[in-house]
Amino acid sequence: MEEKDLEKLFLTVAQDPALDTDANRKFFSLLIQSTLRYRDEMLSSKGIVVTVGDVRAALGWLVPVLATGNMPETENNISMGLLDLWMDELKKREPITYRG
């Protein structure tokens, strides 16, 4: 997964012009940066390639987890690891919140 592909994926999530706020830009920047770090770490330490599909799965879970606090039950360890990383990063950097 190339950085440009990842940025394109996140931009499709935020298509609505109403989402173009400073807080949302910070939110998506955090997600992109941590995703790239996760991708690089998974490849270098475990030889695992994180795919766009893995990121899409984690993105699909993100808003419900933010809304409910309930993590999904899944055997998709790659996407779940990414979601865990995002949640940890977001907790450190509160009050960045997604306004969708």
C-alpha atoms as a PDB file:
ATOM      1  CA  MET A   1       0.000   0.000   0.000  1.00  0.00           C
ATOM      2  CA  GLU A   2       1.506   3.275  -1.121  1.00  0.00           C
ATOM      3  CA  GLU A   3       1.131   6.529   0.810  1.00  0.00           C
ATOM      4  CA  LYS A   4      -0.804   8.112  -2.085  1.00  0.00           C
ATOM      5  CA  ASP A   5      -3.283   5.198  -2.032  1.00  0.00           C
ATOM      6  CA  LEU A   6      -3.791   5.639   1.689  1.00  0.00           C
ATOM      7  CA  GLU A   7      -4.345   9.377   1.392  1.00  0.00           C
ATOM      8  CA  LYS A   8      -6.819   8.795  -1.449  1.00  0.00           C
ATOM      9  CA  LEU A   9      -8.734   6.299   0.722  1.00  0.00           C
ATOM     10  CA  PHE A  10      -9.012   8.739   3.606  1.00  0.00           C
ATOM     11  CA  LEU A  11     -10.044  11.563   1.283  1.00  0.00           C
ATOM     12  CA  THR A  12     -12.942   9.479  -0.051  1.00  0.00           C
ATOM     13  CA  VAL A  13     -14.171   9.111   3.527  1.00  0.00           C
ATOM     14  CA  ALA A  14     -14.187  12.900   3.916  1.00  0.00           C
ATOM     15  CA  GLN A  15     -15.834  13.866   0.604  1.00  0.00           C
ATOM     16  CA  ASP A  16     -18.434  16.152   2.187  1.00  0.00           C
ATOM     17  CA  PRO A  17     -17.265  19.805   2.129  1.00  0.00           C
ATOM     18  CA  ALA A  18     -18.836  20.237   5.570  1.00  0.00           C
ATOM     19  CA  LEU A  19     -16.165  17.888   6.887  1.00  0.00           C
ATOM     20  CA  ASP A  20     -13.386  20.252   5.782  1.00  0.00           C
ATOM     21  CA  THR A  21     -12.636  21.703   9.200  1.00  0.00           C
ATOM     22  CA  ASP A  22      -9.379  22.161  11.075  1.00  0.00           C
ATOM     23  CA  ALA A  23     -10.390  19.551  13.665  1.00  0.00           C
ATOM     24  CA  ASN A  24     -11.193  16.985  10.975  1.00  0.00           C
ATOM     25  CA  ARG A  25      -7.948  17.691   9.121  1.00  0.00           C
ATOM     26  CA  LYS A  26      -6.056  17.025  12.377  1.00  0.00           C
ATOM     27  CA  PHE A  27      -8.116  13.887  12.952  1.00  0.00           C
ATOM     28  CA  PHE A  28      -7.424  12.482   9.479  1.00  0.00           C
ATOM     29  CA  SER A  29      -3.778  13.539   9.634  1.00  0.00           C
ATOM     30  CA  LEU A  30      -3.401  11.550  12.840  1.00  0.00           C
ATOM     31  CA  LEU A  31      -5.045   8.514  11.227  1.00  0.00           C
ATOM     32  CA  ILE A  32      -2.842   8.742   8.142  1.00  0.00           C
ATOM     33  CA  GLN A  33       0.389   9.176  10.082  1.00  0.00           C
ATOM     34  CA  SER A  34      -0.333   6.328  12.465  1.00  0.00           C
ATOM     35  CA  THR A  35      -1.466   4.078   9.598  1.00  0.00           C
ATOM     36  CA  LEU A  36       1.794   4.662   7.732  1.00  0.00           C
ATOM     37  CA  ARG A  37       3.762   3.916  10.902  1.00  0.00           C
ATOM     38  CA  TYR A  38       1.746   0.724  11.448  1.00  0.00           C
ATOM     39  CA  ARG A  39       2.214  -0.334   7.815  1.00  0.00           C
ATOM     40  CA  ASP A  40       5.980   0.148   8.020  1.00  0.00           C
ATOM     41  CA  GLU A  41       6.261  -1.606  11.390  1.00  0.00           C
ATOM     42  CA  MET A  42       4.204  -4.614  10.269  1.00  0.00           C
ATOM     43  CA  LEU A  43       6.348  -5.011   7.164  1.00  0.00           C
ATOM     44  CA  SER A  44       9.712  -4.579   8.852  1.00  0.00           C
ATOM     45  CA  SER A  45       9.033  -6.596  12.000  1.00  0.00           C
ATOM     46  CA  LYS A  46       6.719  -9.343  10.707  1.00  0.00           C
ATOM     47  CA  GLY A  47       6.934  -9.235   6.917  1.00  0.00           C
ATOM     48  CA  ILE A  48       3.178  -8.552   6.779  1.00  0.00           C
ATOM     49  CA  VAL A  49       1.817  -6.270   4.075  1.00  0.00           C
ATOM     50  CA  VAL A  50      -1.036  -4.080   5.268  1.00  0.00           C
ATOM     51  CA  THR A  51      -3.513  -3.719   2.416  1.00  0.00           C
ATOM     52  CA  VAL A  52      -6.067  -1.074   1.524  1.00  0.00           C
ATOM     53  CA  GLY A  53      -8.688  -3.688   2.465  1.00  0.00           C
ATOM     54  CA  ASP A  54      -7.184  -3.939   5.959  1.00  0.00           C
ATOM     55  CA  VAL A  55      -7.387  -0.166   6.354  1.00  0.00           C
ATOM     56  CA  ARG A  56     -10.955  -0.070   4.991  1.00  0.00           C
ATOM     57  CA  ALA A  57     -12.041  -2.669   7.527  1.00  0.00           C
ATOM     58  CA  ALA A  58     -10.529  -0.642  10.369  1.00  0.00           C
ATOM     59  CA  LEU A  59     -12.137   2.540   9.019  1.00  0.00           C
ATOM     60  CA  GLY A  60     -15.491   0.780   8.919  1.00  0.00           C
ATOM     61  CA  TRP A  61     -15.177   0.004  12.609  1.00  0.00           C
ATOM     62  CA  LEU A  62     -13.787   3.369  13.712  1.00  0.00           C
ATOM     63  CA  VAL A  63     -16.921   5.530  13.879  1.00  0.00           C
ATOM     64  CA  PRO A  64     -19.034   2.864  15.644  1.00  0.00           C
ATOM     65  CA  VAL A  65     -16.222   2.336  18.167  1.00  0.00           C
ATOM     66  CA  LEU A  66     -15.950   6.086  18.761  1.00  0.00           C
ATOM     67  CA  ALA A  67     -19.725   6.256  19.225  1.00  0.00           C
ATOM     68  CA  THR A  68     -20.159   3.222  21.477  1.00  0.00           C
ATOM     69  CA  GLY A  69     -16.752   2.355  22.904  1.00  0.00           C
ATOM     70  CA  ASN A  70     -17.365  -1.266  21.908  1.00  0.00           C
ATOM     71  CA  MET A  71     -14.582  -2.928  19.930  1.00  0.00           C
ATOM     72  CA  PRO A  72     -15.625  -5.349  17.170  1.00  0.00           C
ATOM     73  CA  GLU A  73     -15.218  -9.070  17.535  1.00  0.00           C
ATOM     74  CA  THR A  74     -13.078 -10.214  14.642  1.00  0.00           C
ATOM     75  CA  GLU A  75     -10.298 -12.549  13.650  1.00  0.00           C
ATOM     76  CA  ASN A  76      -8.810  -9.865  11.381  1.00  0.00           C
ATOM     77  CA  ASN A  77      -5.735  -9.182  13.504  1.00  0.00           C
ATOM     78  CA  ILE A  78      -4.178  -6.724  11.064  1.00  0.00           C
ATOM     79  CA  SER A  79      -7.196  -4.414  10.928  1.00  0.00           C
ATOM     80  CA  MET A  80      -7.830  -4.816  14.641  1.00  0.00           C
ATOM     81  CA  GLY A  81      -4.225  -3.909  15.405  1.00  0.00           C
ATOM     82  CA  LEU A  82      -4.619  -0.759  13.339  1.00  0.00           C
ATOM     83  CA  LEU A  83      -7.878   0.128  15.070  1.00  0.00           C
ATOM     84  CA  ASP A  84      -6.212  -0.385  18.461  1.00  0.00           C
ATOM     85  CA  LEU A  85      -3.384   1.919  17.414  1.00  0.00           C
ATOM     86  CA  TRP A  86      -5.829   4.601  16.260  1.00  0.00           C
ATOM     87  CA  MET A  87      -7.751   4.422  19.524  1.00  0.00           C
ATOM     88  CA  ASP A  88      -4.530   4.700  21.546  1.00  0.00           C
ATOM     89  CA  GLU A  89      -3.382   7.682  19.481  1.00  0.00           C
ATOM     90  CA  LEU A  90      -6.746   9.403  19.769  1.00  0.00           C
ATOM     91  CA  LYS A  91      -6.800   8.937  23.554  1.00  0.00           C
ATOM     92  CA  LYS A  92      -3.393  10.615  23.803  1.00  0.00           C
ATOM     93  CA  ARG A  93      -4.466  13.564  21.701  1.00  0.00           C
ATOM     94  CA  GLU A  94      -7.960  14.339  22.950  1.00  0.00           C
ATOM     95  CA  PRO A  95     -10.012  16.396  22.220  1.00  0.00           C
ATOM     96  CA  ILE A  96      -9.543  15.668  18.498  1.00  0.00           C
ATOM     97  CA  THR A  97     -12.892  14.281  17.414  1.00  0.00           C
ATOM     98  CA  TYR A  98     -14.376  13.393  14.071  1.00  0.00           C
ATOM     99  CA  ARG A  99     -17.374  15.517  13.167  1.00  0.00           C
ATOM    100  CA  GLY A 100     -19.144  13.505  10.501  1.00  0.00           C
END
